PDB file of N, CA and C in Angstrom:
ATOM      1  N   MET A   1       0.838  -1.177   0.000  1.00  0.00           N
ATOM      2  CA  MET A   1       0.000   0.000   0.000  1.00  0.00           C
ATOM      3  C   MET A   1       0.883   1.240   0.000  1.00  0.00           C
ATOM      4  N   ARG A   2       0.577   2.179  -0.866  1.00  0.00           N
ATOM      5  CA  ARG A   2       1.306   3.446  -0.948  1.00  0.00           C
ATOM      6  C   ARG A   2       0.416   4.581  -0.461  1.00  0.00           C
ATOM      7  N   VAL A   3       1.053   5.611   0.083  1.00  0.00           N
ATOM      8  CA  VAL A   3       0.347   6.815   0.506  1.00  0.00           C
ATOM      9  C   VAL A   3       0.935   7.971  -0.291  1.00  0.00           C
ATOM     10  N   PRO A   4       0.257   8.389  -1.357  1.00  0.00           N
ATOM     11  CA  PRO A   4       0.790   9.460  -2.194  1.00  0.00           C
ATOM     12  C   PRO A   4       0.702  10.818  -1.501  1.00  0.00           C
ATOM     13  N   ASP A   5       1.448  11.793  -2.035  1.00  0.00           N
ATOM     14  CA  ASP A   5       1.394  13.152  -1.498  1.00  0.00           C
ATOM     15  C   ASP A   5       0.020  13.775  -1.747  1.00  0.00           C
ATOM     16  N   LEU A   6      -0.591  13.429  -2.881  1.00  0.00           N
ATOM     17  CA  LEU A   6      -1.926  13.932  -3.220  1.00  0.00           C
ATOM     18  C   LEU A   6      -2.645  12.856  -4.008  1.00  0.00           C
ATOM     19  N   CYS A   7      -3.916  12.665  -3.693  1.00  0.00           N
ATOM     20  CA  CYS A   7      -4.725  11.664  -4.376  1.00  0.00           C
ATOM     21  C   CYS A   7      -6.063  12.305  -4.725  1.00  0.00           C
ATOM     22  N   VAL A   8      -6.461  12.235  -5.995  1.00  0.00           N
ATOM     23  CA  VAL A   8      -7.738  12.788  -6.436  1.00  0.00           C
ATOM     24  C   VAL A   8      -8.676  11.624  -6.713  1.00  0.00           C
ATOM     25  N   VAL A   9      -9.820  11.641  -6.012  1.00  0.00           N
ATOM     26  CA  VAL A   9     -10.819  10.584  -6.142  1.00  0.00           C
ATOM     27  C   VAL A   9     -12.192  11.239  -6.312  1.00  0.00           C
ATOM     28  N   PRO A  10     -13.176  10.468  -6.772  1.00  0.00           N
ATOM     29  CA  PRO A  10     -14.532  11.034  -6.881  1.00  0.00           C
ATOM     30  C   PRO A  10     -15.073  11.420  -5.508  1.00  0.00           C
ATOM     31  N   ALA A  11     -16.017  12.341  -5.514  1.00  0.00           N
ATOM     32  CA  ALA A  11     -16.664  12.742  -4.264  1.00  0.00           C
ATOM     33  C   ALA A  11     -17.412  11.546  -3.684  1.00  0.00           C
ATOM     34  N   LEU A  12     -17.315  11.389  -2.378  1.00  0.00           N
ATOM     35  CA  LEU A  12     -17.962  10.272  -1.696  1.00  0.00           C
ATOM     36  C   LEU A  12     -18.970  10.790  -0.688  1.00  0.00           C
ATOM     37  N   SER A  13     -19.972   9.984  -0.400  1.00  0.00           N
ATOM     38  CA  SER A  13     -20.980  10.404   0.574  1.00  0.00           C
ATOM     39  C   SER A  13     -20.520  10.169   2.012  1.00  0.00           C
ATOM     40  N   GLU A  14     -19.479   9.334   2.193  1.00  0.00           N
ATOM     41  CA  GLU A  14     -18.936   9.096   3.528  1.00  0.00           C
ATOM     42  C   GLU A  14     -17.426   8.931   3.430  1.00  0.00           C
ATOM     43  N   ALA A  15     -16.744   9.161   4.533  1.00  0.00           N
ATOM     44  CA  ALA A  15     -15.281   9.061   4.569  1.00  0.00           C
ATOM     45  C   ALA A  15     -14.847   7.601   4.455  1.00  0.00           C
ATOM     46  N   VAL A  16     -13.786   7.389   3.693  1.00  0.00           N
ATOM     47  CA  VAL A  16     -13.199   6.051   3.588  1.00  0.00           C
ATOM     48  C   VAL A  16     -11.692   6.177   3.757  1.00  0.00           C
ATOM     49  N   ALA A  17     -11.050   5.118   4.226  1.00  0.00           N
ATOM     50  CA  ALA A  17      -9.608   5.145   4.463  1.00  0.00           C
ATOM     51  C   ALA A  17      -8.819   4.777   3.209  1.00  0.00           C
ATOM     52  N   ARG A  18      -9.418   3.984   2.310  1.00  0.00           N
ATOM     53  CA  ARG A  18      -8.731   3.528   1.097  1.00  0.00           C
ATOM     54  C   ARG A  18      -9.689   3.546  -0.077  1.00  0.00           C
ATOM     55  N   TRP A  19      -9.126   3.741  -1.250  1.00  0.00           N
ATOM     56  CA  TRP A  19      -9.914   3.698  -2.472  1.00  0.00           C
ATOM     57  C   TRP A  19      -9.392   2.588  -3.362  1.00  0.00           C
ATOM     58  N   PRO A  20     -10.285   1.904  -4.061  1.00  0.00           N
ATOM     59  CA  PRO A  20      -9.817   0.932  -5.059  1.00  0.00           C
ATOM     60  C   PRO A  20      -9.072   1.692  -6.155  1.00  0.00           C
ATOM     61  N   PRO A  21      -7.963   1.151  -6.661  1.00  0.00           N
ATOM     62  CA  PRO A  21      -7.164   1.865  -7.663  1.00  0.00           C
ATOM     63  C   PRO A  21      -7.963   2.324  -8.880  1.00  0.00           C
ATOM     64  N   ASP A  22      -8.957   1.562  -9.305  1.00  0.00           N
ATOM     65  CA  ASP A  22      -9.714   1.950 -10.494  1.00  0.00           C
ATOM     66  C   ASP A  22     -10.612   3.159 -10.249  1.00  0.00           C
ATOM     67  N   GLU A  23     -10.763   3.578  -8.999  1.00  0.00           N
ATOM     68  CA  GLU A  23     -11.539   4.772  -8.674  1.00  0.00           C
ATOM     69  C   GLU A  23     -10.663   6.014  -8.491  1.00  0.00           C
ATOM     70  N   VAL A  24      -9.353   5.844  -8.490  1.00  0.00           N
ATOM     71  CA  VAL A  24      -8.433   6.964  -8.296  1.00  0.00           C
ATOM     72  C   VAL A  24      -8.214   7.652  -9.651  1.00  0.00           C
ATOM     73  N   THR A  25      -8.506   8.951  -9.701  1.00  0.00           N
ATOM     74  CA  THR A  25      -8.337   9.717 -10.928  1.00  0.00           C
ATOM     75  C   THR A  25      -6.885  10.133 -11.121  1.00  0.00           C
ATOM     76  N   LEU A  26      -6.224  10.524 -10.034  1.00  0.00           N
ATOM     77  CA  LEU A  26      -4.871  11.072 -10.125  1.00  0.00           C
ATOM     78  C   LEU A  26      -4.109  10.846  -8.832  1.00  0.00           C
ATOM     79  N   VAL A  27      -2.831  10.488  -8.975  1.00  0.00           N
ATOM     80  CA  VAL A  27      -1.905  10.431  -7.851  1.00  0.00           C
ATOM     81  C   VAL A  27      -0.764  11.395  -8.172  1.00  0.00           C
ATOM     82  N   VAL A  28      -0.390  12.230  -7.184  1.00  0.00           N
ATOM     83  CA  VAL A  28       0.706  13.180  -7.352  1.00  0.00           C
ATOM     84  C   VAL A  28       1.763  12.895  -6.289  1.00  0.00           C
ATOM     85  N   GLU A  29       3.009  12.845  -6.731  1.00  0.00           N
ATOM     86  CA  GLU A  29       4.134  12.704  -5.803  1.00  0.00           C
ATOM     87  C   GLU A  29       5.049  13.913  -5.971  1.00  0.00           C
ATOM     88  N   VAL A  30       5.493  14.479  -4.855  1.00  0.00           N
ATOM     89  CA  VAL A  30       6.443  15.588  -4.855  1.00  0.00           C
ATOM     90  C   VAL A  30       7.825  15.000  -4.624  1.00  0.00           C
ATOM     91  N   LEU A  31       8.717  15.188  -5.591  1.00  0.00           N
ATOM     92  CA  LEU A  31      10.058  14.623  -5.501  1.00  0.00           C
ATOM     93  C   LEU A  31      10.874  15.326  -4.425  1.00  0.00           C
ATOM     94  N   SER A  32      11.609  14.543  -3.667  1.00  0.00           N
ATOM     95  CA  SER A  32      12.550  15.077  -2.697  1.00  0.00           C
ATOM     96  C   SER A  32      13.796  14.205  -2.782  1.00  0.00           C
ATOM     97  N   PRO A  33      14.921  14.665  -2.238  1.00  0.00           N
ATOM     98  CA  PRO A  33      16.142  13.858  -2.338  1.00  0.00           C
ATOM     99  C   PRO A  33      15.965  12.427  -1.824  1.00  0.00           C
ATOM    100  N   GLY A  34      15.178  12.251  -0.783  1.00  0.00           N
ATOM    101  CA  GLY A  34      15.001  10.928  -0.212  1.00  0.00           C
ATOM    102  C   GLY A  34      14.006  10.041  -0.945  1.00  0.00           C
ATOM    103  N   THR A  35      13.151  10.634  -1.791  1.00  0.00           N
ATOM    104  CA  THR A  35      12.113   9.846  -2.466  1.00  0.00           C
ATOM    105  C   THR A  35      12.234   9.839  -3.986  1.00  0.00           C
ATOM    106  N   ARG A  36      13.176  10.578  -4.527  1.00  0.00           N
ATOM    107  CA  ARG A  36      13.275  10.762  -5.981  1.00  0.00           C
ATOM    108  C   ARG A  36      13.275   9.429  -6.740  1.00  0.00           C
ATOM    109  N   ARG A  37      14.145   8.505  -6.352  1.00  0.00           N
ATOM    110  CA  ARG A  37      14.225   7.217  -7.073  1.00  0.00           C
ATOM    111  C   ARG A  37      12.947   6.397  -6.884  1.00  0.00           C
ATOM    112  N   THR A  38      12.442   6.355  -5.663  1.00  0.00           N
ATOM    113  CA  THR A  38      11.215   5.603  -5.388  1.00  0.00           C
ATOM    114  C   THR A  38      10.049   6.152  -6.205  1.00  0.00           C
ATOM    115  N   ASP A  39       9.906   7.480  -6.257  1.00  0.00           N
ATOM    116  CA  ASP A  39       8.799   8.100  -6.992  1.00  0.00           C
ATOM    117  C   ASP A  39       8.926   7.892  -8.501  1.00  0.00           C
ATOM    118  N   ARG A  40      10.148   7.994  -9.027  1.00  0.00           N
ATOM    119  CA  ARG A  40      10.360   7.887 -10.477  1.00  0.00           C
ATOM    120  C   ARG A  40      10.389   6.448 -10.998  1.00  0.00           C
ATOM    121  N   VAL A  41      10.742   5.500 -10.146  1.00  0.00           N
ATOM    122  CA  VAL A  41      10.904   4.119 -10.615  1.00  0.00           C
ATOM    123  C   VAL A  41       9.885   3.182  -9.953  1.00  0.00           C
ATOM    124  N   THR A  42      10.009   3.017  -8.653  1.00  0.00           N
ATOM    125  CA  THR A  42       9.190   2.035  -7.953  1.00  0.00           C
ATOM    126  C   THR A  42       7.703   2.382  -7.988  1.00  0.00           C
ATOM    127  N   LYS A  43       7.350   3.596  -7.534  1.00  0.00           N
ATOM    128  CA  LYS A  43       5.939   3.975  -7.511  1.00  0.00           C
ATOM    129  C   LYS A  43       5.390   4.084  -8.930  1.00  0.00           C
ATOM    130  N   PHE A  44       6.197   4.551  -9.855  1.00  0.00           N
ATOM    131  CA  PHE A  44       5.800   4.654 -11.258  1.00  0.00           C
ATOM    132  C   PHE A  44       5.281   3.295 -11.735  1.00  0.00           C
ATOM    133  N   ALA A  45       6.045   2.241 -11.470  1.00  0.00           N
ATOM    134  CA  ALA A  45       5.657   0.888 -11.901  1.00  0.00           C
ATOM    135  C   ALA A  45       4.484   0.354 -11.080  1.00  0.00           C
ATOM    136  N   GLU A  46       4.499   0.587  -9.770  1.00  0.00           N
ATOM    137  CA  GLU A  46       3.427   0.071  -8.915  1.00  0.00           C
ATOM    138  C   GLU A  46       2.082   0.715  -9.229  1.00  0.00           C
ATOM    139  N   TYR A  47       2.069   2.033  -9.422  1.00  0.00           N
ATOM    140  CA  TYR A  47       0.805   2.702  -9.731  1.00  0.00           C
ATOM    141  C   TYR A  47       0.275   2.257 -11.085  1.00  0.00           C
ATOM    142  N   ALA A  48       1.146   2.064 -12.063  1.00  0.00           N
ATOM    143  CA  ALA A  48       0.718   1.575 -13.370  1.00  0.00           C
ATOM    144  C   ALA A  48       0.126   0.176 -13.240  1.00  0.00           C
ATOM    145  N   GLU A  49       0.805  -0.692 -12.511  1.00  0.00           N
ATOM    146  CA  GLU A  49       0.322  -2.060 -12.328  1.00  0.00           C
ATOM    147  C   GLU A  49      -1.031  -2.079 -11.615  1.00  0.00           C
ATOM    148  N   ALA A  50      -1.234  -1.140 -10.690  1.00  0.00           N
ATOM    149  CA  ALA A  50      -2.497  -1.059  -9.956  1.00  0.00           C
ATOM    150  C   ALA A  50      -3.621  -0.462 -10.796  1.00  0.00           C
ATOM    151  N   GLY A  51      -3.268   0.172 -11.920  1.00  0.00           N
ATOM    152  CA  GLY A  51      -4.278   0.746 -12.797  1.00  0.00           C
ATOM    153  C   GLY A  51      -4.663   2.179 -12.481  1.00  0.00           C
ATOM    154  N   ILE A  52      -3.810   2.901 -11.747  1.00  0.00           N
ATOM    155  CA  ILE A  52      -4.068   4.323 -11.462  1.00  0.00           C
ATOM    156  C   ILE A  52      -4.011   5.075 -12.790  1.00  0.00           C
ATOM    157  N   ALA A  53      -5.075   5.786 -13.135  1.00  0.00           N
ATOM    158  CA  ALA A  53      -5.208   6.387 -14.464  1.00  0.00           C
ATOM    159  C   ALA A  53      -4.174   7.472 -14.773  1.00  0.00           C
ATOM    160  N   ASN A  54      -3.821   8.299 -13.790  1.00  0.00           N
ATOM    161  CA  ASN A  54      -2.909   9.425 -14.019  1.00  0.00           C
ATOM    162  C   ASN A  54      -1.914   9.546 -12.877  1.00  0.00           C
ATOM    163  N   TYR A  55      -0.668   9.817 -13.236  1.00  0.00           N
ATOM    164  CA  TYR A  55       0.410   9.951 -12.250  1.00  0.00           C
ATOM    165  C   TYR A  55       1.208  11.189 -12.599  1.00  0.00           C
ATOM    166  N   TRP A  56       1.269  12.138 -11.668  1.00  0.00           N
ATOM    167  CA  TRP A  56       2.034  13.365 -11.875  1.00  0.00           C
ATOM    168  C   TRP A  56       3.184  13.404 -10.886  1.00  0.00           C
ATOM    169  N   LEU A  57       4.327  13.888 -11.360  1.00  0.00           N
ATOM    170  CA  LEU A  57       5.498  14.104 -10.511  1.00  0.00           C
ATOM    171  C   LEU A  57       5.775  15.599 -10.460  1.00  0.00           C
ATOM    172  N   VAL A  58       5.915  16.137  -9.265  1.00  0.00           N
ATOM    173  CA  VAL A  58       6.246  17.548  -9.087  1.00  0.00           C
ATOM    174  C   VAL A  58       7.697  17.617  -8.622  1.00  0.00           C
ATOM    175  N   ASP A  59       8.510  18.324  -9.383  1.00  0.00           N
ATOM    176  CA  ASP A  59       9.922  18.500  -9.043  1.00  0.00           C
ATOM    177  C   ASP A  59      10.121  19.931  -8.575  1.00  0.00           C
ATOM    178  N   LEU A  60      10.479  20.120  -7.317  1.00  0.00           N
ATOM    179  CA  LEU A  60      10.612  21.460  -6.741  1.00  0.00           C
ATOM    180  C   LEU A  60      11.970  22.100  -7.002  1.00  0.00           C
ATOM    181  N   GLU A  61      12.890  21.363  -7.642  1.00  0.00           N
ATOM    182  CA  GLU A  61      14.178  21.964  -7.995  1.00  0.00           C
ATOM    183  C   GLU A  61      13.965  22.965  -9.125  1.00  0.00           C
ATOM    184  N   THR A  62      14.756  24.013  -9.132  1.00  0.00           N
ATOM    185  CA  THR A  62      14.625  25.070 -10.134  1.00  0.00           C
ATOM    186  C   THR A  62      15.021  24.557 -11.507  1.00  0.00           C
ATOM    187  N   PRO A  63      14.208  24.787 -12.528  1.00  0.00           N
ATOM    188  CA  PRO A  63      12.869  25.369 -12.460  1.00  0.00           C
ATOM    189  C   PRO A  63      11.855  24.331 -11.994  1.00  0.00           C
ATOM    190  N   VAL A  64      10.935  24.762 -11.146  1.00  0.00           N
ATOM    191  CA  VAL A  64       9.885  23.876 -10.658  1.00  0.00           C
ATOM    192  C   VAL A  64       9.120  23.345 -11.868  1.00  0.00           C
ATOM    193  N   SER A  65       8.835  22.046 -11.862  1.00  0.00           N
ATOM    194  CA  SER A  65       8.148  21.462 -13.013  1.00  0.00           C
ATOM    195  C   SER A  65       7.177  20.365 -12.587  1.00  0.00           C
ATOM    196  N   VAL A  66       6.258  20.079 -13.496  1.00  0.00           N
ATOM    197  CA  VAL A  66       5.310  18.985 -13.322  1.00  0.00           C
ATOM    198  C   VAL A  66       5.397  18.099 -14.543  1.00  0.00           C
ATOM    199  N   SER A  67       5.531  16.796 -14.305  1.00  0.00           N
ATOM    200  CA  SER A  67       5.488  15.803 -15.383  1.00  0.00           C
ATOM    201  C   SER A  67       4.192  15.031 -15.207  1.00  0.00           C
ATOM    202  N   ALA A  68       3.339  15.059 -16.235  1.00  0.00           N
ATOM    203  CA  ALA A  68       2.035  14.404 -16.175  1.00  0.00           C
ATOM    204  C   ALA A  68       2.047  13.170 -17.067  1.00  0.00           C
ATOM    205  N   CYS A  69       1.696  12.042 -16.473  1.00  0.00           N
ATOM    206  CA  CYS A  69       1.659  10.777 -17.204  1.00  0.00           C
ATOM    207  C   CYS A  69       0.257  10.200 -17.135  1.00  0.00           C
ATOM    208  N   THR A  70      -0.170   9.575 -18.232  1.00  0.00           N
ATOM    209  CA  THR A  70      -1.466   8.916 -18.305  1.00  0.00           C
ATOM    210  C   THR A  70      -1.246   7.455 -18.629  1.00  0.00           C
ATOM    211  N   LEU A  71      -2.025   6.602 -17.991  1.00  0.00           N
ATOM    212  CA  LEU A  71      -1.911   5.165 -18.210  1.00  0.00           C
ATOM    213  C   LEU A  71      -2.513   4.813 -19.567  1.00  0.00           C
ATOM    214  N   ILE A  72      -1.677   4.280 -20.439  1.00  0.00           N
ATOM    215  CA  ILE A  72      -2.097   3.812 -21.755  1.00  0.00           C
ATOM    216  C   ILE A  72      -1.778   2.320 -21.780  1.00  0.00           C
ATOM    217  N   GLY A  73      -2.798   1.496 -21.781  1.00  0.00           N
ATOM    218  CA  GLY A  73      -2.572   0.056 -21.668  1.00  0.00           C
ATOM    219  C   GLY A  73      -2.048  -0.264 -20.280  1.00  0.00           C
ATOM    220  N   GLU A  74      -0.841  -0.833 -20.227  1.00  0.00           N
ATOM    221  CA  GLU A  74      -0.250  -1.194 -18.941  1.00  0.00           C
ATOM    222  C   GLU A  74       0.869  -0.270 -18.505  1.00  0.00           C
ATOM    223  N   HIS A  75       1.151   0.776 -19.311  1.00  0.00           N
ATOM    224  CA  HIS A  75       2.290   1.644 -19.025  1.00  0.00           C
ATOM    225  C   HIS A  75       1.886   3.113 -19.092  1.00  0.00           C
ATOM    226  N   TYR A  76       2.617   3.934 -18.327  1.00  0.00           N
ATOM    227  CA  TYR A  76       2.389   5.365 -18.372  1.00  0.00           C
ATOM    228  C   TYR A  76       3.096   5.979 -19.574  1.00  0.00           C
ATOM    229  N   GLU A  77       2.414   6.957 -20.162  1.00  0.00           N
ATOM    230  CA  GLU A  77       3.021   7.760 -21.217  1.00  0.00           C
ATOM    231  C   GLU A  77       3.022   9.209 -20.761  1.00  0.00           C
ATOM    232  N   LEU A  78       4.137   9.890 -20.992  1.00  0.00           N
ATOM    233  CA  LEU A  78       4.246  11.304 -20.645  1.00  0.00           C
ATOM    234  C   LEU A  78       3.344  12.098 -21.582  1.00  0.00           C
ATOM    235  N   VAL A  79       2.390  12.834 -21.015  1.00  0.00           N
ATOM    236  CA  VAL A  79       1.475  13.628 -21.833  1.00  0.00           C
ATOM    237  C   VAL A  79       1.771  15.117 -21.733  1.00  0.00           C
ATOM    238  N   ALA A  80       2.491  15.521 -20.696  1.00  0.00           N
ATOM    239  CA  ALA A  80       2.873  16.929 -20.554  1.00  0.00           C
ATOM    240  C   ALA A  80       4.016  17.037 -19.559  1.00  0.00           C
ATOM    241  N   GLU A  81       4.909  17.966 -19.842  1.00  0.00           N
ATOM    242  CA  GLU A  81       5.991  18.288 -18.912  1.00  0.00           C
ATOM    243  C   GLU A  81       6.118  19.796 -18.964  1.00  0.00           C
ATOM    244  N   ALA A  82       5.945  20.438 -17.811  1.00  0.00           N
ATOM    245  CA  ALA A  82       5.859  21.892 -17.841  1.00  0.00           C
ATOM    246  C   ALA A  82       6.543  22.539 -16.656  1.00  0.00           C
ATOM    247  N   SER A  83       7.224  23.645 -16.937  1.00  0.00           N
ATOM    248  CA  SER A  83       7.754  24.492 -15.875  1.00  0.00           C
ATOM    249  C   SER A  83       7.083  25.866 -15.940  1.00  0.00           C
ATOM    250  N   ARG A  84       6.232  26.049 -16.929  1.00  0.00           N
ATOM    251  CA  ARG A  84       5.438  27.286 -17.077  1.00  0.00           C
ATOM    252  C   ARG A  84       3.964  26.908 -16.998  1.00  0.00           C
ATOM    253  N   PRO A  85       3.083  27.875 -16.782  1.00  0.00           N
ATOM    254  CA  PRO A  85       1.652  27.551 -16.752  1.00  0.00           C
ATOM    255  C   PRO A  85       1.238  26.802 -18.024  1.00  0.00           C
ATOM    256  N   THR A  86       0.560  25.689 -17.810  1.00  0.00           N
ATOM    257  CA  THR A  86       0.200  24.794 -18.910  1.00  0.00           C
ATOM    258  C   THR A  86      -1.134  24.129 -18.594  1.00  0.00           C
ATOM    259  N   ARG A  87      -1.914  23.877 -19.636  1.00  0.00           N
ATOM    260  CA  ARG A  87      -3.162  23.128 -19.481  1.00  0.00           C
ATOM    261  C   ARG A  87      -2.885  21.653 -19.724  1.00  0.00           C
ATOM    262  N   ILE A  88      -3.391  20.830 -18.813  1.00  0.00           N
ATOM    263  CA  ILE A  88      -3.239  19.381 -18.927  1.00  0.00           C
ATOM    264  C   ILE A  88      -4.628  18.762 -18.873  1.00  0.00           C
ATOM    265  N   GLN A  89      -4.884  17.841 -19.784  1.00  0.00           N
ATOM    266  CA  GLN A  89      -6.161  17.140 -19.789  1.00  0.00           C
ATOM    267  C   GLN A  89      -6.138  16.059 -18.705  1.00  0.00           C
ATOM    268  N   LEU A  90      -7.098  16.102 -17.810  1.00  0.00           N
ATOM    269  CA  LEU A  90      -7.215  15.130 -16.725  1.00  0.00           C
ATOM    270  C   LEU A  90      -8.637  14.598 -16.756  1.00  0.00           C
ATOM    271  N   ALA A  91      -8.772  13.350 -17.165  1.00  0.00           N
ATOM    272  CA  ALA A  91     -10.094  12.748 -17.372  1.00  0.00           C
ATOM    273  C   ALA A  91     -10.828  13.625 -18.383  1.00  0.00           C
ATOM    274  N   ASP A  92     -11.970  14.154 -18.026  1.00  0.00           N
ATOM    275  CA  ASP A  92     -12.737  14.998 -18.958  1.00  0.00           C
ATOM    276  C   ASP A  92     -12.587  16.486 -18.660  1.00  0.00           C
ATOM    277  N   THR A  93     -11.543  16.850 -17.918  1.00  0.00           N
ATOM    278  CA  THR A  93     -11.363  18.234 -17.488  1.00  0.00           C
ATOM    279  C   THR A  93      -9.994  18.754 -17.890  1.00  0.00           C
ATOM    280  N   SER A  94      -9.965  19.981 -18.368  1.00  0.00           N
ATOM    281  CA  SER A  94      -8.703  20.649 -18.672  1.00  0.00           C
ATOM    282  C   SER A  94      -8.261  21.392 -17.414  1.00  0.00           C
ATOM    283  N   VAL A  95      -7.068  21.062 -16.920  1.00  0.00           N
ATOM    284  CA  VAL A  95      -6.569  21.640 -15.676  1.00  0.00           C
ATOM    285  C   VAL A  95      -5.406  22.565 -15.994  1.00  0.00           C
ATOM    286  N   LEU A  96      -5.462  23.797 -15.496  1.00  0.00           N
ATOM    287  CA  LEU A  96      -4.362  24.744 -15.657  1.00  0.00           C
ATOM    288  C   LEU A  96      -3.439  24.604 -14.458  1.00  0.00           C
ATOM    289  N   ILE A  97      -2.183  24.266 -14.724  1.00  0.00           N
ATOM    290  CA  ILE A  97      -1.203  24.164 -13.647  1.00  0.00           C
ATOM    291  C   ILE A  97      -0.152  25.249 -13.826  1.00  0.00           C
ATOM    292  N   GLY A  98       0.292  25.818 -12.715  1.00  0.00           N
ATOM    293  CA  GLY A  98       1.358  26.805 -12.706  1.00  0.00           C
ATOM    294  C   GLY A  98       2.412  26.344 -11.717  1.00  0.00           C
ATOM    295  N   PRO A  99       3.391  25.569 -12.183  1.00  0.00           N
ATOM    296  CA  PRO A  99       4.361  24.962 -11.258  1.00  0.00           C
ATOM    297  C   PRO A  99       5.063  25.954 -10.339  1.00  0.00           C
ATOM    298  N   ALA A 100       5.436  27.128 -10.834  1.00  0.00           N
ATOM    299  CA  ALA A 100       6.165  28.090 -10.006  1.00  0.00           C
ATOM    300  C   ALA A 100       5.337  28.554  -8.804  1.00  0.00           C
ATOM    301  N   ALA A 101       4.009  28.532  -8.924  1.00  0.00           N
ATOM    302  CA  ALA A 101       3.144  28.951  -7.825  1.00  0.00           C
ATOM    303  C   ALA A 101       3.263  28.023  -6.624  1.00  0.00           C
ATOM    304  N   LEU A 102       3.762  26.812  -6.843  1.00  0.00           N
ATOM    305  CA  LEU A 102       3.909  25.861  -5.749  1.00  0.00           C
ATOM    306  C   LEU A 102       4.950  26.291  -4.720  1.00  0.00           C
ATOM    307  N   VAL A 103       5.902  27.102  -5.149  1.00  0.00           N
ATOM    308  CA  VAL A 103       6.968  27.549  -4.244  1.00  0.00           C
ATOM    309  C   VAL A 103       6.991  29.069  -4.082  1.00  0.00           C
ATOM    310  N   ALA A 104       6.015  29.757  -4.636  1.00  0.00           N
ATOM    311  CA  ALA A 104       5.967  31.218  -4.542  1.00  0.00           C
ATOM    312  C   ALA A 104       5.627  31.642  -3.111  1.00  0.00           C
ATOM    313  N   PRO A 105       6.224  32.745  -2.652  1.00  0.00           N
ATOM    314  CA  PRO A 105       5.915  33.250  -1.311  1.00  0.00           C
ATOM    315  C   PRO A 105       4.430  33.604  -1.212  1.00  0.00           C
ATOM    316  N   ARG A 106       3.853  33.343  -0.094  1.00  0.00           N
ATOM    317  CA  ARG A 106       2.436  33.694   0.149  1.00  0.00           C
ATOM    318  C   ARG A 106       2.388  35.068   0.801  1.00  0.00           C
ATOM    319  N   GLY A 107       1.359  35.799   0.477  1.00  0.00           N
ATOM    320  CA  GLY A 107       1.282  37.072   1.149  1.00  0.00           C
ATOM    321  C   GLY A 107       0.314  37.935   0.581  1.00  0.00           C
TER     322      GLY A 107
END
């Protein structure tokens, strides 16, 4: 069992502790020095094998970037890689992501 940094699932009428992989729309992992290899290799393969439809990796090193992968058959294919604001298709929704905003000062 993996616990991703962010998991997008359909709205539920009651709280649940786990979701079946086929109900997970998106899993996001934020790369860090201690998790970089696990996120890029191990989790990449495990999430694909489990049937998670979309897997995004957020790299906080300059320039901040997002790599978006979609499950095609049994393997993920890179559908977008962005360090600037970019629209990514996620299921039936176009999502605007701005990677630099993830590390921008709040105020």
